[in-house]
């Protein structure tokens, strides 16, 4: 069975995204230009910043543009932590809480080792 990638997920559910999704995503990334989990700035090729729907659009379309349902993540954290490796099958409803803990721990580690 094939794993669904983000582009395929967005294509499949494009009718559930707000018409101004690209503007929403750019504005959120501009406001917070780093991953909420690992702190990566998404400048590495293949690890760009993305905006994640905590409750996916295919589960609850009413939250598709709700800022409280959105979080900035790098590609790696988006796929691995927010979706456990598959954008269609899995989603982590505790991602905001998880990100607060993980981000703080990573920052402490960086400070201690710099």
PDB file of N, CA and C in Angstrom:
ATOM      1  N   UNK A   1       0.847  -1.191   0.000  1.00  0.00           N
ATOM      2  CA  UNK A   1       0.000   0.000   0.000  1.00  0.00           C
ATOM      3  C   UNK A   1       0.884   1.243   0.000  1.00  0.00           C
ATOM      4  N   UNK A   2       0.510   2.203  -0.832  1.00  0.00           N
ATOM      5  CA  UNK A   2       1.298   3.406  -0.993  1.00  0.00           C
ATOM      6  C   UNK A   2       1.004   4.449   0.085  1.00  0.00           C
ATOM      7  N   UNK A   3       2.060   5.149   0.490  1.00  0.00           N
ATOM      8  CA  UNK A   3       1.928   6.243   1.455  1.00  0.00           C
ATOM      9  C   UNK A   3       1.553   7.500   0.699  1.00  0.00           C
ATOM     10  N   UNK A   4       0.574   8.242   1.220  1.00  0.00           N
ATOM     11  CA  UNK A   4       0.144   9.465   0.556  1.00  0.00           C
ATOM     12  C   UNK A   4       1.064  10.625   0.937  1.00  0.00           C
ATOM     13  N   UNK A   5       1.574  11.303  -0.085  1.00  0.00           N
ATOM     14  CA  UNK A   5       2.416  12.482   0.104  1.00  0.00           C
ATOM     15  C   UNK A   5       1.536  13.716   0.216  1.00  0.00           C
ATOM     16  N   UNK A   6       2.108  14.820   0.710  1.00  0.00           N
ATOM     17  CA  UNK A   6       1.349  16.053   0.931  1.00  0.00           C
ATOM     18  C   UNK A   6       0.731  16.592  -0.360  1.00  0.00           C
ATOM     19  N   UNK A   7       1.500  16.627  -1.441  1.00  0.00           N
ATOM     20  CA  UNK A   7       0.980  17.147  -2.703  1.00  0.00           C
ATOM     21  C   UNK A   7      -0.243  16.334  -3.141  1.00  0.00           C
ATOM     22  N   UNK A   8      -0.153  15.017  -3.023  1.00  0.00           N
ATOM     23  CA  UNK A   8      -1.274  14.154  -3.408  1.00  0.00           C
ATOM     24  C   UNK A   8      -2.477  14.376  -2.500  1.00  0.00           C
ATOM     25  N   UNK A   9      -2.210  14.532  -1.205  1.00  0.00           N
ATOM     26  CA  UNK A   9      -3.293  14.792  -0.247  1.00  0.00           C
ATOM     27  C   UNK A   9      -3.990  16.106  -0.596  1.00  0.00           C
ATOM     28  N   UNK A  10      -3.191  17.152  -0.829  1.00  0.00           N
ATOM     29  CA  UNK A  10      -3.773  18.464  -1.151  1.00  0.00           C
ATOM     30  C   UNK A  10      -4.541  18.432  -2.474  1.00  0.00           C
ATOM     31  N   UNK A  11      -4.014  17.700  -3.444  1.00  0.00           N
ATOM     32  CA  UNK A  11      -4.728  17.563  -4.720  1.00  0.00           C
ATOM     33  C   UNK A  11      -6.057  16.838  -4.519  1.00  0.00           C
ATOM     34  N   UNK A  12      -6.038  15.768  -3.759  1.00  0.00           N
ATOM     35  CA  UNK A  12      -7.245  14.966  -3.515  1.00  0.00           C
ATOM     36  C   UNK A  12      -8.325  15.764  -2.792  1.00  0.00           C
ATOM     37  N   UNK A  13      -7.901  16.633  -1.864  1.00  0.00           N
ATOM     38  CA  UNK A  13      -8.852  17.365  -1.024  1.00  0.00           C
ATOM     39  C   UNK A  13      -8.885  18.862  -1.324  1.00  0.00           C
ATOM     40  N   UNK A  14      -8.467  19.266  -2.533  1.00  0.00           N
ATOM     41  CA  UNK A  14      -8.374  20.695  -2.856  1.00  0.00           C
ATOM     42  C   UNK A  14      -9.691  21.436  -2.678  1.00  0.00           C
ATOM     43  N   UNK A  15     -10.799  20.755  -2.838  1.00  0.00           N
ATOM     44  CA  UNK A  15     -12.107  21.399  -2.664  1.00  0.00           C
ATOM     45  C   UNK A  15     -12.413  21.703  -1.196  1.00  0.00           C
ATOM     46  N   UNK A  16     -11.634  21.140  -0.276  1.00  0.00           N
ATOM     47  CA  UNK A  16     -11.856  21.363   1.155  1.00  0.00           C
ATOM     48  C   UNK A  16     -10.968  22.470   1.726  1.00  0.00           C
ATOM     49  N   UNK A  17      -9.982  22.909   0.948  1.00  0.00           N
ATOM     50  CA  UNK A  17      -9.099  23.987   1.388  1.00  0.00           C
ATOM     51  C   UNK A  17      -9.750  25.326   1.074  1.00  0.00           C
ATOM     52  N   UNK A  18      -9.512  26.352   1.906  1.00  0.00           N
ATOM     53  CA  UNK A  18     -10.040  27.680   1.571  1.00  0.00           C
ATOM     54  C   UNK A  18      -9.427  28.157   0.251  1.00  0.00           C
ATOM     55  N   UNK A  19     -10.159  28.952  -0.483  1.00  0.00           N
ATOM     56  CA  UNK A  19      -9.671  29.424  -1.786  1.00  0.00           C
ATOM     57  C   UNK A  19      -8.390  30.247  -1.644  1.00  0.00           C
ATOM     58  N   UNK A  20      -8.179  30.849  -0.483  1.00  0.00           N
ATOM     59  CA  UNK A  20      -6.980  31.657  -0.251  1.00  0.00           C
ATOM     60  C   UNK A  20      -5.936  30.906   0.584  1.00  0.00           C
ATOM     61  N   UNK A  21      -5.898  29.586   0.468  1.00  0.00           N
ATOM     62  CA  UNK A  21      -4.997  28.769   1.290  1.00  0.00           C
ATOM     63  C   UNK A  21      -3.535  29.199   1.148  1.00  0.00           C
ATOM     64  N   UNK A  22      -3.079  29.444  -0.073  1.00  0.00           N
ATOM     65  CA  UNK A  22      -1.678  29.839  -0.267  1.00  0.00           C
ATOM     66  C   UNK A  22      -1.361  31.126   0.480  1.00  0.00           C
ATOM     67  N   UNK A  23      -2.287  32.073   0.499  1.00  0.00           N
ATOM     68  CA  UNK A  23      -2.095  33.328   1.240  1.00  0.00           C
ATOM     69  C   UNK A  23      -2.044  33.067   2.749  1.00  0.00           C
ATOM     70  N   UNK A  24      -2.937  32.214   3.241  1.00  0.00           N
ATOM     71  CA  UNK A  24      -2.958  31.865   4.670  1.00  0.00           C
ATOM     72  C   UNK A  24      -1.632  31.226   5.056  1.00  0.00           C
ATOM     73  N   UNK A  25      -1.185  30.273   4.234  1.00  0.00           N
ATOM     74  CA  UNK A  25       0.070  29.568   4.526  1.00  0.00           C
ATOM     75  C   UNK A  25       1.258  30.535   4.527  1.00  0.00           C
ATOM     76  N   UNK A  26       1.351  31.396   3.526  1.00  0.00           N
ATOM     77  CA  UNK A  26       2.452  32.369   3.453  1.00  0.00           C
ATOM     78  C   UNK A  26       2.425  33.318   4.646  1.00  0.00           C
ATOM     79  N   UNK A  27       1.245  33.789   5.033  1.00  0.00           N
ATOM     80  CA  UNK A  27       1.124  34.715   6.171  1.00  0.00           C
ATOM     81  C   UNK A  27       1.552  34.056   7.472  1.00  0.00           C
ATOM     82  N   UNK A  28       1.146  32.818   7.670  1.00  0.00           N
ATOM     83  CA  UNK A  28       1.522  32.121   8.908  1.00  0.00           C
ATOM     84  C   UNK A  28       3.025  31.885   8.970  1.00  0.00           C
ATOM     85  N   UNK A  29       3.607  31.481   7.846  1.00  0.00           N
ATOM     86  CA  UNK A  29       5.051  31.229   7.806  1.00  0.00           C
ATOM     87  C   UNK A  29       5.822  32.541   7.963  1.00  0.00           C
ATOM     88  N   UNK A  30       5.293  33.617   7.430  1.00  0.00           N
ATOM     89  CA  UNK A  30       5.921  34.923   7.588  1.00  0.00           C
ATOM     90  C   UNK A  30       5.895  35.353   9.057  1.00  0.00           C
ATOM     91  N   UNK A  31       4.782  35.069   9.730  1.00  0.00           N
ATOM     92  CA  UNK A  31       4.634  35.425  11.142  1.00  0.00           C
ATOM     93  C   UNK A  31       5.517  34.546  12.030  1.00  0.00           C
ATOM     94  N   UNK A  32       5.681  33.280  11.654  1.00  0.00           N
ATOM     95  CA  UNK A  32       6.526  32.356  12.410  1.00  0.00           C
ATOM     96  C   UNK A  32       7.395  31.585  11.421  1.00  0.00           C
ATOM     97  N   UNK A  33       8.583  32.105  11.105  1.00  0.00           N
ATOM     98  CA  UNK A  33       9.417  31.504  10.067  1.00  0.00           C
ATOM     99  C   UNK A  33      10.306  30.345  10.540  1.00  0.00           C
ATOM    100  N   UNK A  34       9.751  29.471  11.347  1.00  0.00           N
ATOM    101  CA  UNK A  34      10.485  28.291  11.815  1.00  0.00           C
ATOM    102  C   UNK A  34       9.483  27.217  12.231  1.00  0.00           C
ATOM    103  N   UNK A  35       9.957  25.989  12.278  1.00  0.00           N
ATOM    104  CA  UNK A  35       9.119  24.853  12.658  1.00  0.00           C
ATOM    105  C   UNK A  35       8.784  24.907  14.147  1.00  0.00           C
ATOM    106  N   UNK A  36       7.525  24.719  14.464  1.00  0.00           N
ATOM    107  CA  UNK A  36       7.064  24.749  15.861  1.00  0.00           C
ATOM    108  C   UNK A  36       7.619  23.595  16.681  1.00  0.00           C
ATOM    109  N   UNK A  37       8.055  22.545  16.027  1.00  0.00           N
ATOM    110  CA  UNK A  37       8.610  21.388  16.739  1.00  0.00           C
ATOM    111  C   UNK A  37      10.126  21.474  16.893  1.00  0.00           C
ATOM    112  N   UNK A  38      10.835  21.503  15.772  1.00  0.00           N
ATOM    113  CA  UNK A  38      12.298  21.398  15.838  1.00  0.00           C
ATOM    114  C   UNK A  38      13.024  22.732  15.725  1.00  0.00           C
ATOM    115  N   UNK A  39      12.306  23.790  15.311  1.00  0.00           N
ATOM    116  CA  UNK A  39      12.928  25.102  15.172  1.00  0.00           C
ATOM    117  C   UNK A  39      13.611  25.328  13.840  1.00  0.00           C
ATOM    118  N   UNK A  40      13.616  24.342  12.966  1.00  0.00           N
ATOM    119  CA  UNK A  40      14.241  24.469  11.651  1.00  0.00           C
ATOM    120  C   UNK A  40      13.573  25.611  10.879  1.00  0.00           C
ATOM    121  N   UNK A  41      14.373  26.349  10.120  1.00  0.00           N
ATOM    122  CA  UNK A  41      13.847  27.481   9.359  1.00  0.00           C
ATOM    123  C   UNK A  41      13.424  27.092   7.945  1.00  0.00           C
ATOM    124  N   UNK A  42      13.491  25.808   7.639  1.00  0.00           N
ATOM    125  CA  UNK A  42      13.000  25.324   6.353  1.00  0.00           C
ATOM    126  C   UNK A  42      13.797  25.760   5.154  1.00  0.00           C
ATOM    127  N   UNK A  43      15.065  26.073   5.346  1.00  0.00           N
ATOM    128  CA  UNK A  43      15.877  26.562   4.231  1.00  0.00           C
ATOM    129  C   UNK A  43      16.579  25.433   3.488  1.00  0.00           C
ATOM    130  N   UNK A  44      16.658  24.267   4.106  1.00  0.00           N
ATOM    131  CA  UNK A  44      17.277  23.107   3.467  1.00  0.00           C
ATOM    132  C   UNK A  44      16.350  22.581   2.371  1.00  0.00           C
ATOM    133  N   UNK A  45      16.918  22.258   1.241  1.00  0.00           N
ATOM    134  CA  UNK A  45      16.122  21.739   0.130  1.00  0.00           C
ATOM    135  C   UNK A  45      15.378  20.479   0.555  1.00  0.00           C
ATOM    136  N   UNK A  46      14.086  20.433   0.313  1.00  0.00           N
ATOM    137  CA  UNK A  46      13.283  19.269   0.670  1.00  0.00           C
ATOM    138  C   UNK A  46      12.725  19.314   2.079  1.00  0.00           C
ATOM    139  N   UNK A  47      13.049  20.352   2.838  1.00  0.00           N
ATOM    140  CA  UNK A  47      12.517  20.460   4.197  1.00  0.00           C
ATOM    141  C   UNK A  47      11.858  21.823   4.403  1.00  0.00           C
ATOM    142  N   UNK A  48      11.111  22.277   3.406  1.00  0.00           N
ATOM    143  CA  UNK A  48      10.470  23.587   3.467  1.00  0.00           C
ATOM    144  C   UNK A  48       9.424  23.642   4.575  1.00  0.00           C
ATOM    145  N   UNK A  49       9.133  24.867   5.001  1.00  0.00           N
ATOM    146  CA  UNK A  49       8.097  25.065   6.008  1.00  0.00           C
ATOM    147  C   UNK A  49       6.724  24.888   5.366  1.00  0.00           C
ATOM    148  N   UNK A  50       5.815  24.311   6.140  1.00  0.00           N
ATOM    149  CA  UNK A  50       4.450  24.062   5.685  1.00  0.00           C
ATOM    150  C   UNK A  50       3.504  24.392   6.830  1.00  0.00           C
ATOM    151  N   UNK A  51       2.255  24.645   6.502  1.00  0.00           N
ATOM    152  CA  UNK A  51       1.253  24.871   7.536  1.00  0.00           C
ATOM    153  C   UNK A  51       0.384  23.621   7.615  1.00  0.00           C
ATOM    154  N   UNK A  52       0.284  23.111   8.807  1.00  0.00           N
ATOM    155  CA  UNK A  52      -0.415  21.855   9.089  1.00  0.00           C
ATOM    156  C   UNK A  52      -1.780  22.124   9.719  1.00  0.00           C
ATOM    157  N   UNK A  53      -2.787  21.416   9.240  1.00  0.00           N
ATOM    158  CA  UNK A  53      -4.113  21.421   9.879  1.00  0.00           C
ATOM    159  C   UNK A  53      -4.099  20.373  10.990  1.00  0.00           C
ATOM    160  N   UNK A  54      -4.303  20.773  12.213  1.00  0.00           N
ATOM    161  CA  UNK A  54      -4.305  19.823  13.334  1.00  0.00           C
ATOM    162  C   UNK A  54      -5.430  18.814  13.142  1.00  0.00           C
ATOM    163  N   UNK A  55      -6.627  19.308  12.928  1.00  0.00           N
ATOM    164  CA  UNK A  55      -7.727  18.432  12.507  1.00  0.00           C
ATOM    165  C   UNK A  55      -7.748  18.550  10.987  1.00  0.00           C
ATOM    166  N   UNK A  56      -7.433  17.467  10.270  1.00  0.00           N
ATOM    167  CA  UNK A  56      -7.325  17.529   8.805  1.00  0.00           C
ATOM    168  C   UNK A  56      -8.605  17.999   8.126  1.00  0.00           C
ATOM    169  N   UNK A  57      -8.428  18.600   6.944  1.00  0.00           N
ATOM    170  CA  UNK A  57      -9.578  19.119   6.201  1.00  0.00           C
ATOM    171  C   UNK A  57     -10.550  18.020   5.799  1.00  0.00           C
ATOM    172  N   UNK A  58     -10.051  16.792   5.599  1.00  0.00           N
ATOM    173  CA  UNK A  58     -10.962  15.718   5.206  1.00  0.00           C
ATOM    174  C   UNK A  58     -11.756  15.171   6.394  1.00  0.00           C
ATOM    175  N   UNK A  59     -11.396  15.566   7.608  1.00  0.00           N
ATOM    176  CA  UNK A  59     -12.117  15.153   8.820  1.00  0.00           C
ATOM    177  C   UNK A  59     -13.141  16.217   9.207  1.00  0.00           C
ATOM    178  N   UNK A  60     -12.739  17.501   9.177  1.00  0.00           N
ATOM    179  CA  UNK A  60     -13.649  18.585   9.559  1.00  0.00           C
ATOM    180  C   UNK A  60     -13.351  19.826   8.718  1.00  0.00           C
ATOM    181  N   UNK A  61     -14.099  19.988   7.667  1.00  0.00           N
ATOM    182  CA  UNK A  61     -13.879  21.104   6.736  1.00  0.00           C
ATOM    183  C   UNK A  61     -14.139  22.466   7.388  1.00  0.00           C
ATOM    184  N   UNK A  62     -14.926  22.505   8.455  1.00  0.00           N
ATOM    185  CA  UNK A  62     -15.241  23.785   9.101  1.00  0.00           C
ATOM    186  C   UNK A  62     -14.009  24.428   9.740  1.00  0.00           C
ATOM    187  N   UNK A  63     -12.947  23.644   9.960  1.00  0.00           N
ATOM    188  CA  UNK A  63     -11.731  24.174  10.597  1.00  0.00           C
ATOM    189  C   UNK A  63     -10.625  24.461   9.586  1.00  0.00           C
ATOM    190  N   UNK A  64     -10.954  24.442   8.291  1.00  0.00           N
ATOM    191  CA  UNK A  64      -9.918  24.526   7.264  1.00  0.00           C
ATOM    192  C   UNK A  64      -9.130  25.835   7.255  1.00  0.00           C
ATOM    193  N   UNK A  65      -9.698  26.939   7.695  1.00  0.00           N
ATOM    194  CA  UNK A  65      -8.981  28.208   7.729  1.00  0.00           C
ATOM    195  C   UNK A  65      -8.858  28.780   9.127  1.00  0.00           C
ATOM    196  N   UNK A  66      -9.225  28.007  10.131  1.00  0.00           N
ATOM    197  CA  UNK A  66      -9.196  28.435  11.531  1.00  0.00           C
ATOM    198  C   UNK A  66      -7.757  28.434  12.044  1.00  0.00           C
ATOM    199  N   UNK A  67      -7.239  29.613  12.379  1.00  0.00           N
ATOM    200  CA  UNK A  67      -5.853  29.718  12.818  1.00  0.00           C
ATOM    201  C   UNK A  67      -5.543  28.871  14.054  1.00  0.00           C
ATOM    202  N   UNK A  68      -6.529  28.634  14.912  1.00  0.00           N
ATOM    203  CA  UNK A  68      -6.313  27.778  16.084  1.00  0.00           C
ATOM    204  C   UNK A  68      -6.114  26.320  15.681  1.00  0.00           C
ATOM    205  N   UNK A  69      -6.463  25.985  14.453  1.00  0.00           N
ATOM    206  CA  UNK A  69      -6.313  24.624  13.946  1.00  0.00           C
ATOM    207  C   UNK A  69      -5.069  24.488  13.061  1.00  0.00           C
ATOM    208  N   UNK A  70      -4.236  25.521  13.029  1.00  0.00           N
ATOM    209  CA  UNK A  70      -3.071  25.524  12.153  1.00  0.00           C
ATOM    210  C   UNK A  70      -1.785  25.679  12.953  1.00  0.00           C
ATOM    211  N   UNK A  71      -0.720  25.071  12.441  1.00  0.00           N
ATOM    212  CA  UNK A  71       0.592  25.167  13.081  1.00  0.00           C
ATOM    213  C   UNK A  71       1.656  25.074  11.990  1.00  0.00           C
ATOM    214  N   UNK A  72       2.741  25.848  12.124  1.00  0.00           N
ATOM    215  CA  UNK A  72       3.841  25.832  11.164  1.00  0.00           C
ATOM    216  C   UNK A  72       4.791  24.692  11.525  1.00  0.00           C
ATOM    217  N   UNK A  73       5.074  23.859  10.530  1.00  0.00           N
ATOM    218  CA  UNK A  73       6.004  22.738  10.704  1.00  0.00           C
ATOM    219  C   UNK A  73       6.915  22.637   9.490  1.00  0.00           C
ATOM    220  N   UNK A  74       8.105  22.095   9.683  1.00  0.00           N
ATOM    221  CA  UNK A  74       8.952  21.771   8.534  1.00  0.00           C
ATOM    222  C   UNK A  74       8.408  20.482   7.915  1.00  0.00           C
ATOM    223  N   UNK A  75       8.817  20.214   6.694  1.00  0.00           N
ATOM    224  CA  UNK A  75       8.324  19.027   5.996  1.00  0.00           C
ATOM    225  C   UNK A  75       8.542  17.750   6.809  1.00  0.00           C
ATOM    226  N   UNK A  76       9.742  17.597   7.379  1.00  0.00           N
ATOM    227  CA  UNK A  76      10.052  16.362   8.116  1.00  0.00           C
ATOM    228  C   UNK A  76       9.137  16.177   9.330  1.00  0.00           C
ATOM    229  N   UNK A  77       8.969  17.219  10.128  1.00  0.00           N
ATOM    230  CA  UNK A  77       8.102  17.118  11.317  1.00  0.00           C
ATOM    231  C   UNK A  77       6.636  16.962  10.905  1.00  0.00           C
ATOM    232  N   UNK A  78       6.242  17.627   9.828  1.00  0.00           N
ATOM    233  CA  UNK A  78       4.865  17.527   9.343  1.00  0.00           C
ATOM    234  C   UNK A  78       4.529  16.072   9.019  1.00  0.00           C
ATOM    235  N   UNK A  79       5.400  15.439   8.251  1.00  0.00           N
ATOM    236  CA  UNK A  79       5.144  14.054   7.857  1.00  0.00           C
ATOM    237  C   UNK A  79       5.317  13.086   9.022  1.00  0.00           C
ATOM    238  N   UNK A  80       6.425  13.180   9.732  1.00  0.00           N
ATOM    239  CA  UNK A  80       6.757  12.169  10.757  1.00  0.00           C
ATOM    240  C   UNK A  80       5.983  12.332  12.060  1.00  0.00           C
ATOM    241  N   UNK A  81       5.898  13.556  12.565  1.00  0.00           N
ATOM    242  CA  UNK A  81       5.296  13.770  13.884  1.00  0.00           C
ATOM    243  C   UNK A  81       3.800  14.079  13.787  1.00  0.00           C
ATOM    244  N   UNK A  82       3.429  14.932  12.849  1.00  0.00           N
ATOM    245  CA  UNK A  82       2.020  15.321  12.746  1.00  0.00           C
ATOM    246  C   UNK A  82       1.168  14.259  12.056  1.00  0.00           C
ATOM    247  N   UNK A  83       1.792  13.472  11.150  1.00  0.00           N
ATOM    248  CA  UNK A  83       1.019  12.476  10.401  1.00  0.00           C
ATOM    249  C   UNK A  83       1.574  11.060  10.511  1.00  0.00           C
ATOM    250  N   UNK A  84       2.524  10.838  11.393  1.00  0.00           N
ATOM    251  CA  UNK A  84       3.063   9.484  11.625  1.00  0.00           C
ATOM    252  C   UNK A  84       3.393   8.772  10.311  1.00  0.00           C
ATOM    253  N   UNK A  85       3.857   9.532   9.320  1.00  0.00           N
ATOM    254  CA  UNK A  85       4.318   8.943   8.082  1.00  0.00           C
ATOM    255  C   UNK A  85       3.326   8.857   6.941  1.00  0.00           C
ATOM    256  N   UNK A  86       2.072   9.247   7.139  1.00  0.00           N
ATOM    257  CA  UNK A  86       1.081   9.168   6.053  1.00  0.00           C
ATOM    258  C   UNK A  86       0.051  10.281   6.234  1.00  0.00           C
ATOM    259  N   UNK A  87       0.017  11.201   5.272  1.00  0.00           N
ATOM    260  CA  UNK A  87      -0.860  12.377   5.374  1.00  0.00           C
ATOM    261  C   UNK A  87      -2.345  12.028   5.413  1.00  0.00           C
ATOM    262  N   UNK A  88      -2.733  10.931   4.803  1.00  0.00           N
ATOM    263  CA  UNK A  88      -4.154  10.576   4.725  1.00  0.00           C
ATOM    264  C   UNK A  88      -4.626   9.774   5.939  1.00  0.00           C
ATOM    265  N   UNK A  89      -3.812   8.847   6.393  1.00  0.00           N
ATOM    266  CA  UNK A  89      -4.261   7.880   7.408  1.00  0.00           C
ATOM    267  C   UNK A  89      -4.173   8.380   8.842  1.00  0.00           C
ATOM    268  N   UNK A  90      -3.113   9.125   9.161  1.00  0.00           N
ATOM    269  CA  UNK A  90      -2.841   9.435  10.563  1.00  0.00           C
ATOM    270  C   UNK A  90      -2.757  10.935  10.807  1.00  0.00           C
ATOM    271  N   UNK A  91      -3.133  11.345  12.007  1.00  0.00           N
ATOM    272  CA  UNK A  91      -2.947  12.740  12.405  1.00  0.00           C
ATOM    273  C   UNK A  91      -2.875  12.802  13.924  1.00  0.00           C
ATOM    274  N   UNK A  92      -2.045  13.714  14.407  1.00  0.00           N
ATOM    275  CA  UNK A  92      -1.759  13.865  15.830  1.00  0.00           C
ATOM    276  C   UNK A  92      -2.514  15.080  16.359  1.00  0.00           C
ATOM    277  N   UNK A  93      -3.588  14.844  17.081  1.00  0.00           N
ATOM    278  CA  UNK A  93      -4.389  15.955  17.623  1.00  0.00           C
ATOM    279  C   UNK A  93      -3.673  16.710  18.743  1.00  0.00           C
ATOM    280  N   UNK A  94      -2.603  16.129  19.263  1.00  0.00           N
ATOM    281  CA  UNK A  94      -1.844  16.755  20.360  1.00  0.00           C
ATOM    282  C   UNK A  94      -0.600  17.478  19.856  1.00  0.00           C
ATOM    283  N   UNK A  95      -0.539  17.774  18.573  1.00  0.00           N
ATOM    284  CA  UNK A  95       0.678  18.336  17.980  1.00  0.00           C
ATOM    285  C   UNK A  95       1.078  19.680  18.592  1.00  0.00           C
ATOM    286  N   UNK A  96       0.125  20.536  18.942  1.00  0.00           N
ATOM    287  CA  UNK A  96       0.493  21.832  19.553  1.00  0.00           C
ATOM    288  C   UNK A  96       1.134  21.613  20.920  1.00  0.00           C
ATOM    289  N   UNK A  97       0.537  20.764  21.722  1.00  0.00           N
ATOM    290  CA  UNK A  97       1.098  20.458  23.042  1.00  0.00           C
ATOM    291  C   UNK A  97       2.466  19.781  22.886  1.00  0.00           C
ATOM    292  N   UNK A  98       2.539  18.825  21.981  1.00  0.00           N
ATOM    293  CA  UNK A  98       3.811  18.139  21.734  1.00  0.00           C
ATOM    294  C   UNK A  98       4.877  19.123  21.280  1.00  0.00           C
ATOM    295  N   UNK A  99       4.497  20.050  20.408  1.00  0.00           N
ATOM    296  CA  UNK A  99       5.478  21.000  19.866  1.00  0.00           C
ATOM    297  C   UNK A  99       6.035  21.903  20.955  1.00  0.00           C
ATOM    298  N   UNK A 100       5.204  22.312  21.888  1.00  0.00           N
ATOM    299  CA  UNK A 100       5.684  23.175  22.970  1.00  0.00           C
ATOM    300  C   UNK A 100       6.772  22.467  23.777  1.00  0.00           C
ATOM    301  N   UNK A 101       6.544  21.221  24.114  1.00  0.00           N
ATOM    302  CA  UNK A 101       7.506  20.446  24.898  1.00  0.00           C
ATOM    303  C   UNK A 101       8.774  20.176  24.105  1.00  0.00           C
ATOM    304  N   UNK A 102       8.624  19.677  22.900  1.00  0.00           N
ATOM    305  CA  UNK A 102       9.779  19.310  22.078  1.00  0.00           C
ATOM    306  C   UNK A 102      10.617  20.537  21.741  1.00  0.00           C
ATOM    307  N   UNK A 103       9.977  21.625  21.344  1.00  0.00           N
ATOM    308  CA  UNK A 103      10.709  22.840  20.971  1.00  0.00           C
ATOM    309  C   UNK A 103      11.553  23.340  22.153  1.00  0.00           C
ATOM    310  N   UNK A 104      10.959  23.392  23.333  1.00  0.00           N
ATOM    311  CA  UNK A 104      11.693  23.848  24.520  1.00  0.00           C
ATOM    312  C   UNK A 104      12.876  22.932  24.808  1.00  0.00           C
ATOM    313  N   UNK A 105      12.657  21.618  24.716  1.00  0.00           N
ATOM    314  CA  UNK A 105      13.740  20.658  24.968  1.00  0.00           C
ATOM    315  C   UNK A 105      14.881  20.828  23.971  1.00  0.00           C
ATOM    316  N   UNK A 106      14.554  21.019  22.706  1.00  0.00           N
ATOM    317  CA  UNK A 106      15.583  21.199  21.683  1.00  0.00           C
ATOM    318  C   UNK A 106      16.364  22.490  21.924  1.00  0.00           C
ATOM    319  N   UNK A 107      15.667  23.555  22.295  1.00  0.00           N
ATOM    320  CA  UNK A 107      16.350  24.832  22.566  1.00  0.00           C
ATOM    321  C   UNK A 107      17.294  24.698  23.765  1.00  0.00           C
ATOM    322  N   UNK A 108      16.859  24.000  24.813  1.00  0.00           N
ATOM    323  CA  UNK A 108      17.718  23.773  25.994  1.00  0.00           C
ATOM    324  C   UNK A 108      18.961  22.988  25.580  1.00  0.00           C
ATOM    325  N   UNK A 109      18.759  21.963  24.764  1.00  0.00           N
ATOM    326  CA  UNK A 109      19.876  21.138  24.307  1.00  0.00           C
ATOM    327  C   UNK A 109      20.874  21.968  23.498  1.00  0.00           C
ATOM    328  N   UNK A 110      20.353  22.810  22.588  1.00  0.00           N
ATOM    329  CA  UNK A 110      21.219  23.656  21.759  1.00  0.00           C
ATOM    330  C   UNK A 110      22.025  24.623  22.632  1.00  0.00           C
ATOM    331  N   UNK A 111      21.369  25.229  23.616  1.00  0.00           N
ATOM    332  CA  UNK A 111      22.054  26.172  24.509  1.00  0.00           C
ATOM    333  C   UNK A 111      23.148  25.467  25.317  1.00  0.00           C
ATOM    334  N   UNK A 112      22.832  24.284  25.807  1.00  0.00           N
ATOM    335  CA  UNK A 112      23.785  23.537  26.625  1.00  0.00           C
ATOM    336  C   UNK A 112      24.983  23.054  25.805  1.00  0.00           C
ATOM    337  N   UNK A 113      24.813  22.910  24.520  1.00  0.00           N
ATOM    338  CA  UNK A 113      25.870  22.357  23.667  1.00  0.00           C
ATOM    339  C   UNK A 113      26.465  23.365  22.692  1.00  0.00           C
ATOM    340  N   UNK A 114      26.270  24.658  22.986  1.00  0.00           N
ATOM    341  CA  UNK A 114      26.860  25.660  22.074  1.00  0.00           C
ATOM    342  C   UNK A 114      28.040  26.347  22.712  1.00  0.00           C
TER     343      UNK A 114
END
